[in-house]
Amino acid sequence: MFTEYEVSVFLDLPEVNKAVLELKRDFLDKEAPMMEISDHDFLSLVLMVPAIAVADANDNISLFEEITLNKMARKMSKGGYFLKADPVARAMKFYIKKISNWEQKFLDVINLLIKETVDVEKLDQSDGDKQFTMVDFSCEALKAPYIMVRFFTSFFLQGEGEIIEGHSISKEEHEKILDLGRRLKFDNLKVFKAFCHTFTVK
């Protein structure tokens, strides 16, 4: 998952900062007009959207998934909130109630962030539907920009697990990762296709 310091760096990007402010204003006006949340913490919520989508793939976020999401929120919050309510976790509750209304708008900001931090066009494109192995992915991950690997771990993996290892997920979660990959324009990337083959579908 992303750290508080990585979120701060993202927010320093002018175009990202502008998009975050616009989305924050719109979201708070319509969903939580009385809520106070910093720009940093709102971007943290935006960055949690793929993880929330995977957790909600079965149309139900389990207690374990909720705990994991809250831990992610605390790690990205500005300054940490170990002794009081975390603003990112609080904002997440408002978002979850209206996921269908906001998911694409939040993903649009993430798409902008990706565009501002990595030249996706220069990454290796996948040819066909090759069946990748864990070794294939390990090699692709080593060649990929560091930030791309951070996107994968923060968006699609729960907790602090190593990316270069197998992960067991449900069919619905796997389909959601593929869907998010398409919407984040990762779907033609060789490294993303190889990453998707690291999952064991239950």
N, C-alpha and C. Protein backbone atom coordinates (compact mmCIF):
# COMPACT_ATOMS: atom_id res chain seq x y z
N MET A 1 0.83 -1.19 0.00
CA MET A 1 0.00 0.00 0.00
C MET A 1 0.87 1.25 0.00
N PHE A 2 0.34 2.35 -0.51
CA PHE A 2 1.10 3.59 -0.54
C PHE A 2 1.32 4.12 0.87
N THR A 3 2.39 4.88 1.04
CA THR A 3 2.68 5.51 2.32
C THR A 3 2.22 6.96 2.30
N GLU A 4 2.18 7.54 3.47
CA GLU A 4 1.83 8.96 3.61
C GLU A 4 2.76 9.83 2.75
N TYR A 5 4.02 9.47 2.68
CA TYR A 5 5.01 10.28 1.96
C TYR A 5 4.81 10.18 0.45
N GLU A 6 4.45 9.01 -0.04
CA GLU A 6 4.17 8.86 -1.47
C GLU A 6 2.95 9.69 -1.86
N VAL A 7 1.92 9.67 -1.02
CA VAL A 7 0.72 10.47 -1.29
C VAL A 7 1.07 11.95 -1.38
N SER A 8 1.94 12.42 -0.49
CA SER A 8 2.36 13.83 -0.51
C SER A 8 3.05 14.19 -1.83
N VAL A 9 3.88 13.27 -2.33
CA VAL A 9 4.57 13.51 -3.60
C VAL A 9 3.56 13.59 -4.74
N PHE A 10 2.59 12.69 -4.74
CA PHE A 10 1.55 12.71 -5.78
C PHE A 10 0.80 14.04 -5.78
N LEU A 11 0.49 14.53 -4.59
CA LEU A 11 -0.30 15.76 -4.47
C LEU A 11 0.48 16.98 -4.95
N ASP A 12 1.80 16.88 -4.99
CA ASP A 12 2.63 17.98 -5.47
C ASP A 12 2.59 18.13 -6.99
N LEU A 13 2.05 17.13 -7.70
CA LEU A 13 1.93 17.22 -9.15
C LEU A 13 0.77 18.17 -9.47
N PRO A 14 1.02 19.28 -10.16
CA PRO A 14 -0.01 20.32 -10.37
C PRO A 14 -1.33 19.81 -10.95
N GLU A 15 -1.27 19.00 -11.99
CA GLU A 15 -2.50 18.53 -12.62
C GLU A 15 -3.27 17.59 -11.70
N VAL A 16 -2.54 16.78 -10.96
CA VAL A 16 -3.18 15.87 -9.99
C VAL A 16 -3.82 16.68 -8.87
N ASN A 17 -3.10 17.65 -8.37
CA ASN A 17 -3.62 18.50 -7.31
C ASN A 17 -4.92 19.18 -7.73
N LYS A 18 -4.94 19.72 -8.94
CA LYS A 18 -6.14 20.39 -9.46
C LYS A 18 -7.32 19.41 -9.55
N ALA A 19 -7.08 18.21 -10.07
CA ALA A 19 -8.15 17.22 -10.22
C ALA A 19 -8.67 16.76 -8.87
N VAL A 20 -7.78 16.61 -7.90
CA VAL A 20 -8.17 16.19 -6.55
C VAL A 20 -9.06 17.26 -5.91
N LEU A 21 -8.70 18.52 -6.05
CA LEU A 21 -9.49 19.61 -5.47
C LEU A 21 -10.89 19.65 -6.07
N GLU A 22 -10.99 19.48 -7.38
CA GLU A 22 -12.28 19.52 -8.05
C GLU A 22 -13.16 18.35 -7.61
N LEU A 23 -12.59 17.16 -7.55
CA LEU A 23 -13.35 15.98 -7.15
C LEU A 23 -13.75 16.07 -5.68
N LYS A 24 -12.85 16.53 -4.86
CA LYS A 24 -13.14 16.68 -3.43
C LYS A 24 -14.31 17.62 -3.22
N ARG A 25 -14.30 18.76 -3.90
CA ARG A 25 -15.38 19.73 -3.77
C ARG A 25 -16.72 19.11 -4.18
N ASP A 26 -16.72 18.40 -5.30
CA ASP A 26 -17.93 17.77 -5.81
C ASP A 26 -18.44 16.69 -4.86
N PHE A 27 -17.53 15.84 -4.39
CA PHE A 27 -17.90 14.72 -3.52
C PHE A 27 -18.45 15.21 -2.18
N LEU A 28 -17.77 16.15 -1.57
CA LEU A 28 -18.22 16.66 -0.28
C LEU A 28 -19.55 17.39 -0.40
N ASP A 29 -19.72 18.17 -1.45
CA ASP A 29 -20.97 18.91 -1.64
C ASP A 29 -22.16 17.96 -1.72
N LYS A 30 -21.96 16.82 -2.40
CA LYS A 30 -23.08 15.91 -2.67
C LYS A 30 -23.25 14.80 -1.63
N GLU A 31 -22.16 14.39 -0.98
CA GLU A 31 -22.24 13.23 -0.09
C GLU A 31 -21.97 13.53 1.38
N ALA A 32 -21.11 14.51 1.66
CA ALA A 32 -20.73 14.76 3.06
C ALA A 32 -20.43 16.23 3.27
N PRO A 33 -21.45 17.10 3.14
CA PRO A 33 -21.22 18.56 3.21
C PRO A 33 -20.65 19.05 4.53
N MET A 34 -20.84 18.30 5.62
CA MET A 34 -20.35 18.76 6.92
C MET A 34 -18.96 18.19 7.25
N MET A 35 -18.44 17.36 6.39
CA MET A 35 -17.17 16.69 6.68
C MET A 35 -15.98 17.56 6.33
N GLU A 36 -14.96 17.52 7.18
CA GLU A 36 -13.70 18.21 6.93
C GLU A 36 -12.63 17.16 6.65
N ILE A 37 -11.93 17.31 5.53
CA ILE A 37 -10.87 16.39 5.18
C ILE A 37 -9.83 17.15 4.35
N SER A 38 -8.58 16.92 4.63
CA SER A 38 -7.51 17.63 3.91
C SER A 38 -7.40 17.11 2.49
N ASP A 39 -6.73 17.88 1.64
CA ASP A 39 -6.51 17.44 0.26
C ASP A 39 -5.69 16.15 0.24
N HIS A 40 -4.70 16.07 1.12
CA HIS A 40 -3.86 14.87 1.21
C HIS A 40 -4.72 13.64 1.53
N ASP A 41 -5.57 13.76 2.54
CA ASP A 41 -6.38 12.62 2.96
C ASP A 41 -7.44 12.27 1.91
N PHE A 42 -7.92 13.26 1.18
CA PHE A 42 -8.88 12.95 0.14
C PHE A 42 -8.20 12.19 -1.00
N LEU A 43 -6.97 12.57 -1.35
CA LEU A 43 -6.23 11.81 -2.36
C LEU A 43 -5.98 10.39 -1.87
N SER A 44 -5.76 10.23 -0.58
CA SER A 44 -5.59 8.89 -0.02
C SER A 44 -6.84 8.05 -0.28
N LEU A 45 -8.01 8.65 -0.08
CA LEU A 45 -9.26 7.96 -0.38
C LEU A 45 -9.34 7.58 -1.85
N VAL A 46 -8.97 8.50 -2.72
CA VAL A 46 -8.99 8.23 -4.16
C VAL A 46 -8.11 7.01 -4.48
N LEU A 47 -6.93 6.96 -3.88
CA LEU A 47 -6.00 5.87 -4.15
C LEU A 47 -6.47 4.53 -3.59
N MET A 48 -7.42 4.58 -2.66
CA MET A 48 -7.96 3.34 -2.09
C MET A 48 -9.08 2.74 -2.93
N VAL A 49 -9.58 3.48 -3.90
CA VAL A 49 -10.75 3.05 -4.66
C VAL A 49 -10.58 1.68 -5.32
N PRO A 50 -9.44 1.38 -5.99
CA PRO A 50 -9.30 0.03 -6.55
C PRO A 50 -9.36 -1.07 -5.48
N ALA A 51 -8.70 -0.85 -4.34
CA ALA A 51 -8.73 -1.84 -3.26
C ALA A 51 -10.15 -2.01 -2.72
N ILE A 52 -10.89 -0.91 -2.61
CA ILE A 52 -12.29 -0.98 -2.17
C ILE A 52 -13.11 -1.78 -3.19
N ALA A 53 -12.86 -1.53 -4.48
CA ALA A 53 -13.60 -2.23 -5.54
C ALA A 53 -13.36 -3.74 -5.48
N VAL A 54 -12.11 -4.14 -5.25
CA VAL A 54 -11.79 -5.57 -5.16
C VAL A 54 -12.46 -6.17 -3.92
N ALA A 55 -12.41 -5.45 -2.81
CA ALA A 55 -13.04 -5.94 -1.57
C ALA A 55 -14.55 -6.08 -1.74
N ASP A 56 -15.13 -5.20 -2.56
CA ASP A 56 -16.59 -5.19 -2.77
C ASP A 56 -17.01 -6.03 -3.97
N ALA A 57 -16.08 -6.80 -4.53
CA ALA A 57 -16.37 -7.59 -5.75
C ALA A 57 -17.53 -8.55 -5.55
N ASN A 58 -17.71 -9.05 -4.32
CA ASN A 58 -18.81 -9.96 -4.01
C ASN A 58 -20.04 -9.21 -3.50
N ASP A 59 -20.06 -7.88 -3.69
CA ASP A 59 -21.14 -7.02 -3.19
C ASP A 59 -21.28 -7.08 -1.68
N ASN A 60 -20.16 -7.36 -1.03
CA ASN A 60 -20.17 -7.41 0.43
C ASN A 60 -18.74 -7.31 0.94
N ILE A 61 -18.45 -6.29 1.72
CA ILE A 61 -17.12 -6.12 2.30
C ILE A 61 -17.10 -6.81 3.66
N SER A 62 -16.28 -7.84 3.78
CA SER A 62 -16.22 -8.62 5.02
C SER A 62 -15.55 -7.82 6.13
N LEU A 63 -15.66 -8.31 7.36
CA LEU A 63 -15.04 -7.65 8.50
C LEU A 63 -13.52 -7.61 8.32
N PHE A 64 -12.94 -8.72 7.85
CA PHE A 64 -11.49 -8.76 7.61
C PHE A 64 -11.09 -7.73 6.56
N GLU A 65 -11.86 -7.63 5.48
CA GLU A 65 -11.56 -6.66 4.42
C GLU A 65 -11.69 -5.24 4.94
N GLU A 66 -12.70 -5.00 5.79
CA GLU A 66 -12.88 -3.67 6.36
C GLU A 66 -11.70 -3.28 7.24
N ILE A 67 -11.21 -4.23 8.03
CA ILE A 67 -10.05 -3.98 8.88
C ILE A 67 -8.82 -3.66 8.03
N THR A 68 -8.65 -4.43 6.94
CA THR A 68 -7.52 -4.21 6.04
C THR A 68 -7.59 -2.83 5.39
N LEU A 69 -8.79 -2.44 4.96
CA LEU A 69 -8.97 -1.13 4.34
C LEU A 69 -8.72 0.00 5.34
N ASN A 70 -9.16 -0.19 6.58
CA ASN A 70 -8.93 0.82 7.61
C ASN A 70 -7.44 0.97 7.91
N LYS A 71 -6.73 -0.16 7.89
CA LYS A 71 -5.28 -0.12 8.10
C LYS A 71 -4.60 0.65 6.97
N MET A 72 -5.07 0.42 5.74
CA MET A 72 -4.53 1.15 4.59
C MET A 72 -4.80 2.64 4.73
N ALA A 73 -6.01 2.98 5.17
CA ALA A 73 -6.37 4.39 5.35
C ALA A 73 -5.44 5.06 6.36
N ARG A 74 -5.20 4.40 7.47
CA ARG A 74 -4.34 4.97 8.51
C ARG A 74 -2.91 5.17 8.02
N LYS A 75 -2.44 4.25 7.19
CA LYS A 75 -1.05 4.36 6.71
C LYS A 75 -0.87 5.55 5.77
N MET A 76 -1.92 5.89 5.02
CA MET A 76 -1.81 6.99 4.06
C MET A 76 -2.23 8.33 4.62
N SER A 77 -2.95 8.34 5.74
CA SER A 77 -3.42 9.59 6.34
C SER A 77 -2.27 10.52 6.70
N LYS A 78 -2.49 11.80 6.57
CA LYS A 78 -1.47 12.79 6.89
C LYS A 78 -1.25 12.84 8.40
N GLY A 79 -0.08 12.42 8.84
CA GLY A 79 0.26 12.51 10.27
C GLY A 79 -0.18 11.33 11.11
N GLY A 80 -0.99 10.43 10.57
CA GLY A 80 -1.43 9.28 11.34
C GLY A 80 -2.54 9.62 12.31
N TYR A 81 -3.41 8.65 12.55
CA TYR A 81 -4.55 8.90 13.45
C TYR A 81 -4.77 7.68 14.34
N PHE A 82 -3.78 7.34 15.14
CA PHE A 82 -3.87 6.13 15.94
C PHE A 82 -4.74 6.30 17.19
N LEU A 83 -4.88 7.54 17.64
CA LEU A 83 -5.64 7.76 18.87
C LEU A 83 -6.97 8.46 18.64
N LYS A 84 -7.30 8.75 17.40
CA LYS A 84 -8.59 9.39 17.12
C LYS A 84 -9.10 8.94 15.76
N ALA A 85 -10.31 9.32 15.44
CA ALA A 85 -10.95 8.87 14.19
C ALA A 85 -10.12 9.27 12.97
N ASP A 86 -9.95 8.35 12.06
CA ASP A 86 -9.17 8.61 10.85
C ASP A 86 -10.08 9.21 9.78
N PRO A 87 -9.73 10.38 9.22
CA PRO A 87 -10.59 11.03 8.24
C PRO A 87 -10.74 10.25 6.94
N VAL A 88 -9.70 9.51 6.55
CA VAL A 88 -9.78 8.72 5.33
C VAL A 88 -10.77 7.57 5.52
N ALA A 89 -10.68 6.90 6.67
CA ALA A 89 -11.61 5.80 6.97
C ALA A 89 -13.04 6.32 7.05
N ARG A 90 -13.22 7.51 7.61
CA ARG A 90 -14.57 8.09 7.72
C ARG A 90 -15.11 8.43 6.32
N ALA A 91 -14.28 9.05 5.49
CA ALA A 91 -14.70 9.40 4.13
C ALA A 91 -14.99 8.15 3.31
N MET A 92 -14.25 7.08 3.58
CA MET A 92 -14.46 5.82 2.87
C MET A 92 -15.88 5.29 3.10
N LYS A 93 -16.41 5.47 4.28
CA LYS A 93 -17.77 5.00 4.58
C LYS A 93 -18.80 5.73 3.70
N PHE A 94 -18.60 7.03 3.50
CA PHE A 94 -19.50 7.80 2.62
C PHE A 94 -19.36 7.30 1.18
N TYR A 95 -18.11 7.03 0.77
CA TYR A 95 -17.87 6.57 -0.60
C TYR A 95 -18.53 5.21 -0.84
N ILE A 96 -18.36 4.29 0.09
CA ILE A 96 -18.89 2.92 -0.08
C ILE A 96 -20.41 2.93 -0.24
N LYS A 97 -21.08 3.85 0.42
CA LYS A 97 -22.54 3.92 0.31
C LYS A 97 -22.99 4.28 -1.10
N LYS A 98 -22.13 4.96 -1.86
CA LYS A 98 -22.51 5.43 -3.19
C LYS A 98 -21.45 5.06 -4.24
N ILE A 99 -20.89 3.86 -4.13
CA ILE A 99 -19.80 3.45 -5.03
C ILE A 99 -20.18 3.64 -6.50
N SER A 100 -21.35 3.19 -6.87
CA SER A 100 -21.73 3.23 -8.29
C SER A 100 -21.77 4.65 -8.85
N ASN A 101 -22.04 5.62 -7.99
CA ASN A 101 -22.11 7.01 -8.44
C ASN A 101 -20.73 7.65 -8.63
N TRP A 102 -19.72 7.12 -7.93
CA TRP A 102 -18.45 7.82 -7.86
C TRP A 102 -17.24 7.05 -8.39
N GLU A 103 -17.36 5.75 -8.54
CA GLU A 103 -16.18 4.94 -8.86
C GLU A 103 -15.44 5.44 -10.09
N GLN A 104 -16.14 5.69 -11.19
CA GLN A 104 -15.45 6.09 -12.41
C GLN A 104 -14.80 7.46 -12.27
N LYS A 105 -15.44 8.38 -11.56
CA LYS A 105 -14.86 9.71 -11.36
C LYS A 105 -13.56 9.62 -10.56
N PHE A 106 -13.54 8.74 -9.57
CA PHE A 106 -12.32 8.55 -8.79
C PHE A 106 -11.24 7.87 -9.62
N LEU A 107 -11.64 6.89 -10.43
CA LEU A 107 -10.68 6.20 -11.30
C LEU A 107 -10.10 7.16 -12.34
N ASP A 108 -10.89 8.15 -12.77
CA ASP A 108 -10.39 9.14 -13.72
C ASP A 108 -9.21 9.92 -13.13
N VAL A 109 -9.29 10.23 -11.84
CA VAL A 109 -8.18 10.93 -11.18
C VAL A 109 -6.96 10.02 -11.10
N ILE A 110 -7.20 8.74 -10.81
CA ILE A 110 -6.07 7.79 -10.77
C ILE A 110 -5.44 7.67 -12.15
N ASN A 111 -6.27 7.64 -13.19
CA ASN A 111 -5.73 7.58 -14.56
C ASN A 111 -4.83 8.78 -14.84
N LEU A 112 -5.25 9.95 -14.38
CA LEU A 112 -4.44 11.15 -14.55
C LEU A 112 -3.11 11.01 -13.80
N LEU A 113 -3.19 10.49 -12.57
CA LEU A 113 -1.98 10.28 -11.77
C LEU A 113 -1.01 9.33 -12.48
N ILE A 114 -1.55 8.25 -13.03
CA ILE A 114 -0.71 7.29 -13.75
C ILE A 114 -0.04 7.98 -14.95
N LYS A 115 -0.83 8.76 -15.68
CA LYS A 115 -0.31 9.47 -16.84
C LYS A 115 0.81 10.43 -16.46
N GLU A 116 0.69 11.05 -15.28
CA GLU A 116 1.68 12.03 -14.82
C GLU A 116 2.94 11.39 -14.25
N THR A 117 2.89 10.10 -13.93
CA THR A 117 4.03 9.48 -13.25
C THR A 117 4.74 8.40 -14.05
N VAL A 118 4.12 7.87 -15.09
CA VAL A 118 4.77 6.81 -15.87
C VAL A 118 4.32 6.91 -17.33
N ASP A 119 5.25 6.69 -18.25
CA ASP A 119 4.93 6.70 -19.67
C ASP A 119 4.51 5.29 -20.07
N VAL A 120 3.21 5.03 -19.95
CA VAL A 120 2.68 3.69 -20.20
C VAL A 120 2.94 3.25 -21.63
N GLU A 121 2.93 4.19 -22.56
CA GLU A 121 3.13 3.86 -23.97
C GLU A 121 4.50 3.22 -24.23
N LYS A 122 5.47 3.51 -23.38
CA LYS A 122 6.81 2.96 -23.57
C LYS A 122 7.00 1.59 -22.93
N LEU A 123 6.01 1.12 -22.18
CA LEU A 123 6.12 -0.18 -21.54
C LEU A 123 5.80 -1.28 -22.54
N ASP A 124 6.35 -2.47 -22.30
CA ASP A 124 6.12 -3.60 -23.19
C ASP A 124 4.64 -3.93 -23.27
N GLN A 125 4.15 -4.08 -24.50
CA GLN A 125 2.76 -4.48 -24.71
C GLN A 125 2.71 -6.00 -24.85
N SER A 126 1.64 -6.60 -24.37
CA SER A 126 1.51 -8.05 -24.45
C SER A 126 1.03 -8.48 -25.82
N ASP A 127 1.52 -9.61 -26.29
CA ASP A 127 1.07 -10.14 -27.57
C ASP A 127 0.21 -11.38 -27.33
N GLY A 128 -1.08 -11.22 -27.54
CA GLY A 128 -1.99 -12.35 -27.40
C GLY A 128 -2.28 -12.71 -25.96
N ASP A 129 -2.71 -13.95 -25.74
CA ASP A 129 -3.11 -14.43 -24.41
C ASP A 129 -2.13 -15.46 -23.88
N LYS A 130 -0.86 -15.16 -23.91
CA LYS A 130 0.16 -16.07 -23.40
C LYS A 130 -0.12 -16.43 -21.95
N GLN A 131 0.14 -17.68 -21.60
CA GLN A 131 0.00 -18.14 -20.23
C GLN A 131 1.32 -17.86 -19.49
N PHE A 132 1.34 -16.78 -18.73
CA PHE A 132 2.56 -16.39 -18.03
C PHE A 132 2.77 -17.23 -16.77
N THR A 133 4.01 -17.38 -16.38
CA THR A 133 4.36 -18.08 -15.15
C THR A 133 4.81 -17.06 -14.10
N MET A 134 5.01 -17.52 -12.87
CA MET A 134 5.51 -16.64 -11.82
C MET A 134 6.89 -16.10 -12.19
N VAL A 135 7.70 -16.93 -12.82
CA VAL A 135 9.04 -16.48 -13.24
C VAL A 135 8.91 -15.37 -14.28
N ASP A 136 7.96 -15.53 -15.22
CA ASP A 136 7.72 -14.49 -16.22
C ASP A 136 7.40 -13.16 -15.53
N PHE A 137 6.50 -13.23 -14.55
CA PHE A 137 6.11 -12.00 -13.88
C PHE A 137 7.28 -11.40 -13.11
N SER A 138 8.06 -12.24 -12.44
CA SER A 138 9.22 -11.74 -11.69
C SER A 138 10.14 -10.96 -12.60
N CYS A 139 10.39 -11.48 -13.80
CA CYS A 139 11.26 -10.80 -14.76
C CYS A 139 10.64 -9.50 -15.24
N GLU A 140 9.33 -9.51 -15.52
CA GLU A 140 8.64 -8.30 -15.99
C GLU A 140 8.61 -7.23 -14.89
N ALA A 141 8.40 -7.65 -13.65
CA ALA A 141 8.36 -6.71 -12.53
C ALA A 141 9.71 -6.02 -12.33
N LEU A 142 10.79 -6.76 -12.55
CA LEU A 142 12.12 -6.18 -12.41
C LEU A 142 12.41 -5.16 -13.51
N LYS A 143 11.81 -5.34 -14.67
CA LYS A 143 12.03 -4.43 -15.80
C LYS A 143 11.11 -3.21 -15.74
N ALA A 144 9.99 -3.35 -15.06
CA ALA A 144 8.98 -2.27 -15.03
C ALA A 144 9.44 -1.12 -14.13
N PRO A 145 8.94 0.11 -14.38
CA PRO A 145 9.23 1.23 -13.48
C PRO A 145 8.75 0.90 -12.06
N TYR A 146 9.50 1.35 -11.07
CA TYR A 146 9.16 1.08 -9.68
C TYR A 146 7.73 1.50 -9.36
N ILE A 147 7.30 2.65 -9.86
CA ILE A 147 5.97 3.16 -9.54
C ILE A 147 4.88 2.23 -10.06
N MET A 148 5.14 1.53 -11.18
CA MET A 148 4.13 0.60 -11.70
C MET A 148 3.92 -0.56 -10.73
N VAL A 149 4.99 -1.06 -10.18
CA VAL A 149 4.88 -2.14 -9.20
C VAL A 149 4.15 -1.65 -7.95
N ARG A 150 4.41 -0.40 -7.55
CA ARG A 150 3.70 0.17 -6.40
C ARG A 150 2.21 0.31 -6.68
N PHE A 151 1.85 0.66 -7.91
CA PHE A 151 0.43 0.72 -8.27
C PHE A 151 -0.21 -0.65 -8.08
N PHE A 152 0.43 -1.69 -8.57
CA PHE A 152 -0.14 -3.04 -8.48
C PHE A 152 -0.32 -3.46 -7.01
N THR A 153 0.72 -3.26 -6.19
CA THR A 153 0.62 -3.71 -4.80
C THR A 153 -0.43 -2.91 -4.03
N SER A 154 -0.51 -1.61 -4.29
CA SER A 154 -1.46 -0.78 -3.55
C SER A 154 -2.90 -0.93 -4.03
N PHE A 155 -3.07 -1.16 -5.31
CA PHE A 155 -4.43 -1.26 -5.87
C PHE A 155 -5.03 -2.65 -5.72
N PHE A 156 -4.20 -3.69 -5.86
CA PHE A 156 -4.75 -5.03 -6.06
C PHE A 156 -4.40 -6.06 -4.99
N LEU A 157 -3.50 -5.75 -4.08
CA LEU A 157 -3.10 -6.72 -3.06
C LEU A 157 -3.50 -6.23 -1.68
N GLN A 158 -3.97 -7.13 -0.85
CA GLN A 158 -4.34 -6.76 0.50
C GLN A 158 -3.13 -6.86 1.42
N GLY A 159 -3.01 -5.93 2.32
CA GLY A 159 -1.95 -6.00 3.31
C GLY A 159 -0.59 -5.69 2.73
N GLU A 160 0.43 -6.26 3.35
CA GLU A 160 1.82 -5.94 3.02
C GLU A 160 2.51 -7.08 2.28
N GLY A 161 1.75 -8.01 1.73
CA GLY A 161 2.34 -9.18 1.08
C GLY A 161 3.27 -8.82 -0.06
N GLU A 162 4.25 -9.67 -0.29
CA GLU A 162 5.17 -9.48 -1.40
C GLU A 162 4.42 -9.66 -2.72
N ILE A 163 4.78 -8.85 -3.70
CA ILE A 163 4.10 -8.94 -4.98
C ILE A 163 4.54 -10.18 -5.76
N ILE A 164 5.80 -10.59 -5.57
CA ILE A 164 6.31 -11.73 -6.32
C ILE A 164 6.08 -13.00 -5.51
N GLU A 165 4.82 -13.34 -5.36
CA GLU A 165 4.42 -14.58 -4.73
C GLU A 165 2.98 -14.85 -5.14
N GLY A 166 2.54 -16.09 -4.97
CA GLY A 166 1.18 -16.42 -5.37
C GLY A 166 0.15 -15.85 -4.40
N HIS A 167 -1.04 -15.56 -4.92
CA HIS A 167 -2.12 -15.04 -4.10
C HIS A 167 -3.40 -15.76 -4.49
N SER A 168 -4.19 -16.15 -3.51
CA SER A 168 -5.45 -16.85 -3.76
C SER A 168 -6.61 -15.88 -3.62
N ILE A 169 -7.45 -15.77 -4.66
CA ILE A 169 -8.59 -14.86 -4.64
C ILE A 169 -9.80 -15.53 -5.27
N SER A 170 -10.96 -14.95 -5.06
CA SER A 170 -12.18 -15.50 -5.63
C SER A 170 -12.30 -15.14 -7.10
N LYS A 171 -13.18 -15.83 -7.79
CA LYS A 171 -13.42 -15.56 -9.21
C LYS A 171 -13.90 -14.13 -9.40
N GLU A 172 -14.78 -13.68 -8.51
CA GLU A 172 -15.31 -12.32 -8.60
C GLU A 172 -14.22 -11.27 -8.40
N GLU A 173 -13.31 -11.53 -7.46
CA GLU A 173 -12.21 -10.60 -7.22
C GLU A 173 -11.27 -10.55 -8.42
N HIS A 174 -11.00 -11.71 -9.01
CA HIS A 174 -10.12 -11.76 -10.17
C HIS A 174 -10.74 -11.00 -11.35
N GLU A 175 -12.03 -11.19 -11.54
CA GLU A 175 -12.71 -10.47 -12.63
C GLU A 175 -12.70 -8.97 -12.39
N LYS A 176 -12.82 -8.56 -11.12
CA LYS A 176 -12.78 -7.13 -10.79
C LYS A 176 -11.39 -6.56 -11.07
N ILE A 177 -10.33 -7.31 -10.76
CA ILE A 177 -8.97 -6.84 -11.05
C ILE A 177 -8.78 -6.67 -12.55
N LEU A 178 -9.28 -7.62 -13.34
CA LEU A 178 -9.19 -7.51 -14.80
C LEU A 178 -9.97 -6.29 -15.30
N ASP A 179 -11.15 -6.06 -14.71
CA ASP A 179 -11.96 -4.90 -15.09
C ASP A 179 -11.25 -3.60 -14.74
N LEU A 180 -10.67 -3.53 -13.54
CA LEU A 180 -9.94 -2.33 -13.13
C LEU A 180 -8.72 -2.12 -14.02
N GLY A 181 -8.06 -3.21 -14.39
CA GLY A 181 -6.91 -3.11 -15.28
C GLY A 181 -7.29 -2.48 -16.60
N ARG A 182 -8.46 -2.86 -17.11
CA ARG A 182 -8.94 -2.28 -18.36
C ARG A 182 -9.25 -0.79 -18.18
N ARG A 183 -9.92 -0.45 -17.10
CA ARG A 183 -10.32 0.94 -16.88
C ARG A 183 -9.15 1.85 -16.51
N LEU A 184 -8.07 1.26 -16.00
CA LEU A 184 -6.86 2.03 -15.69
C LEU A 184 -5.84 1.94 -16.83
N LYS A 185 -6.26 1.30 -17.92
CA LYS A 185 -5.44 1.20 -19.13
C LYS A 185 -4.15 0.40 -18.91
N PHE A 186 -4.24 -0.59 -18.02
CA PHE A 186 -3.13 -1.52 -17.80
C PHE A 186 -3.27 -2.77 -18.66
N ASP A 187 -4.46 -3.00 -19.21
CA ASP A 187 -4.82 -4.32 -19.74
C ASP A 187 -3.94 -4.83 -20.87
N ASN A 188 -3.31 -3.95 -21.64
CA ASN A 188 -2.44 -4.40 -22.73
C ASN A 188 -0.97 -4.49 -22.32
N LEU A 189 -0.68 -4.17 -21.09
CA LEU A 189 0.71 -4.20 -20.64
C LEU A 189 1.14 -5.62 -20.29
N LYS A 190 2.29 -5.99 -20.78
CA LYS A 190 2.81 -7.34 -20.53
C LYS A 190 2.96 -7.60 -19.02
N VAL A 191 3.46 -6.59 -18.29
CA VAL A 191 3.67 -6.77 -16.86
C VAL A 191 2.34 -6.97 -16.12
N PHE A 192 1.28 -6.31 -16.57
CA PHE A 192 -0.02 -6.49 -15.91
C PHE A 192 -0.61 -7.87 -16.21
N LYS A 193 -0.51 -8.30 -17.47
CA LYS A 193 -1.03 -9.62 -17.81
C LYS A 193 -0.28 -10.71 -17.05
N ALA A 194 1.04 -10.54 -16.94
CA ALA A 194 1.82 -11.51 -16.18
C ALA A 194 1.41 -11.49 -14.69
N PHE A 195 1.18 -10.27 -14.17
CA PHE A 195 0.73 -10.13 -12.78
C PHE A 195 -0.57 -10.86 -12.53
N CYS A 196 -1.51 -10.74 -13.46
CA CYS A 196 -2.81 -11.40 -13.29
C CYS A 196 -2.70 -12.92 -13.25
N HIS A 197 -1.62 -13.46 -13.82
CA HIS A 197 -1.42 -14.91 -13.80
C HIS A 197 -0.77 -15.40 -12.51
N THR A 198 -0.45 -14.47 -11.59
CA THR A 198 0.11 -14.88 -10.31
C THR A 198 -0.98 -15.29 -9.32
N PHE A 199 -2.23 -15.06 -9.68
CA PHE A 199 -3.34 -15.37 -8.79
C PHE A 199 -3.86 -16.78 -9.00
N THR A 200 -4.19 -17.43 -7.90
CA THR A 200 -4.89 -18.70 -7.96
C THR A 200 -6.37 -18.37 -7.68
N VAL A 201 -7.23 -18.67 -8.65
CA VAL A 201 -8.65 -18.35 -8.52
C VAL A 201 -9.36 -19.50 -7.83
N LYS A 202 -10.00 -19.19 -6.71
CA LYS A 202 -10.68 -20.23 -5.91
C LYS A 202 -12.02 -20.62 -6.56
